[in-house]
C-alpha cells in the first residue's frame, strides 16, 4: 500500500482553507446583521441609517447565500455519484 503524501497534504490544505473562508464569510454576515440592528436603534430619524440598514441586510444575505452555496457544493461532491 502506497500513500500519496503530497496529494493528502494538498487535500488537507484546501479543506482547511475553504473551511476558514466559509467561517470568515459567515462571521461577516453576522457582523452585517449586528450593524443593521445598530443602525435601526440609532436615535433620531437619520436618512443614512435606513439606507445603511438596507445595505447591511443585503450584505448579510449575500454572505449567507455564499455559505449555503459552499455547503451545497460540498454535499454534491460527497454524494455526487
Protein backbone atom coordinates (compact mmCIF):
# COMPACT_ATOMS: atom_id res chain seq x y z
CA UNK A 1 0.00 0.00 0.00
CA UNK A 2 1.41 3.32 -1.09
CA UNK A 3 0.15 6.62 0.34
CA UNK A 4 0.48 9.71 -1.81
CA UNK A 5 1.50 12.16 0.92
CA UNK A 6 1.62 15.12 -1.43
CA UNK A 7 -1.98 14.61 -2.52
CA UNK A 8 -3.06 14.12 1.10
CA UNK A 9 -1.36 17.36 2.15
CA UNK A 10 -2.93 19.26 -0.75
CA UNK A 11 -6.38 17.96 0.12
CA UNK A 12 -5.94 18.84 3.78
CA UNK A 13 -4.66 22.33 2.89
CA UNK A 14 -7.51 23.09 0.52
CA UNK A 15 -10.07 21.77 3.01
CA UNK A 16 -8.63 23.92 5.77
CA UNK A 17 -8.55 27.00 3.53
CA UNK A 18 -12.15 26.57 2.37
CA UNK A 19 -13.29 25.99 5.95
CA UNK A 20 -11.61 29.17 7.15
CA UNK A 21 -13.07 31.12 4.22
CA UNK A 22 -16.64 29.90 4.86
CA UNK A 23 -16.37 30.69 8.58
CA UNK A 24 -15.00 34.16 7.80
CA UNK A 25 -17.81 34.91 5.33
CA UNK A 26 -20.40 33.68 7.86
CA UNK A 27 -18.85 35.93 10.51
CA UNK A 28 -19.08 38.87 8.10
CA UNK A 29 -22.77 38.09 7.64
CA UNK A 30 -23.32 38.11 11.40
CA UNK A 31 -21.40 41.39 11.62
CA UNK A 32 -23.59 42.91 8.92
CA UNK A 33 -26.72 41.88 10.80
CA UNK A 34 -25.42 43.43 14.01
CA UNK A 35 -24.58 46.65 12.13
CA UNK A 36 -28.13 46.69 10.77
CA UNK A 37 -29.56 46.37 14.26
CA UNK A 38 -27.27 49.15 15.46
CA UNK A 39 -28.37 51.43 12.64
CA UNK A 40 -32.04 50.71 13.37
CA UNK A 41 -31.66 51.52 17.04
CA UNK A 42 -29.83 54.79 16.34
CA UNK A 43 -31.57 57.80 17.81
CA UNK A 44 -33.19 60.29 15.54
CA UNK A 45 -34.67 59.99 12.07
CA UNK A 46 -31.45 59.83 10.05
CA UNK A 47 -31.84 59.09 6.36
CA UNK A 48 -28.41 57.47 6.24
CA UNK A 49 -29.31 54.98 8.97
CA UNK A 50 -32.16 53.50 6.92
CA UNK A 51 -30.04 53.19 3.79
CA UNK A 52 -27.16 51.73 5.78
CA UNK A 53 -29.51 49.22 7.36
CA UNK A 54 -30.76 48.03 3.98
CA UNK A 55 -27.22 47.79 2.66
CA UNK A 56 -26.14 45.78 5.70
CA UNK A 57 -29.10 43.44 5.26
CA UNK A 58 -28.25 42.84 1.60
CA UNK A 59 -24.63 42.19 2.56
CA UNK A 60 -25.69 39.73 5.25
CA UNK A 61 -27.97 37.86 2.86
CA UNK A 62 -25.18 37.72 0.30
CA UNK A 63 -22.73 36.29 2.85
CA UNK A 64 -25.22 33.67 3.98
CA UNK A 65 -26.01 32.74 0.37
CA UNK A 66 -22.30 32.23 -0.33
CA UNK A 67 -22.03 29.98 2.74
CA UNK A 68 -25.08 27.98 1.69
CA UNK A 69 -23.71 27.60 -1.84
CA UNK A 70 -20.40 26.29 -0.48
CA UNK A 71 -22.21 23.76 1.71
CA UNK A 72 -24.43 22.57 -1.15
CA UNK A 73 -21.43 22.29 -3.46
CA UNK A 74 -19.58 20.22 -0.86
CA UNK A 75 -22.57 17.93 -0.44
CA UNK A 76 -22.79 17.42 -4.19
CA UNK A 77 -19.11 16.49 -4.25
CA UNK A 78 -19.64 13.95 -1.48
CA UNK A 79 -22.88 12.39 -2.75
CA UNK A 80 -22.47 13.17 -6.44
CA UNK A 81 -22.42 9.72 -7.88
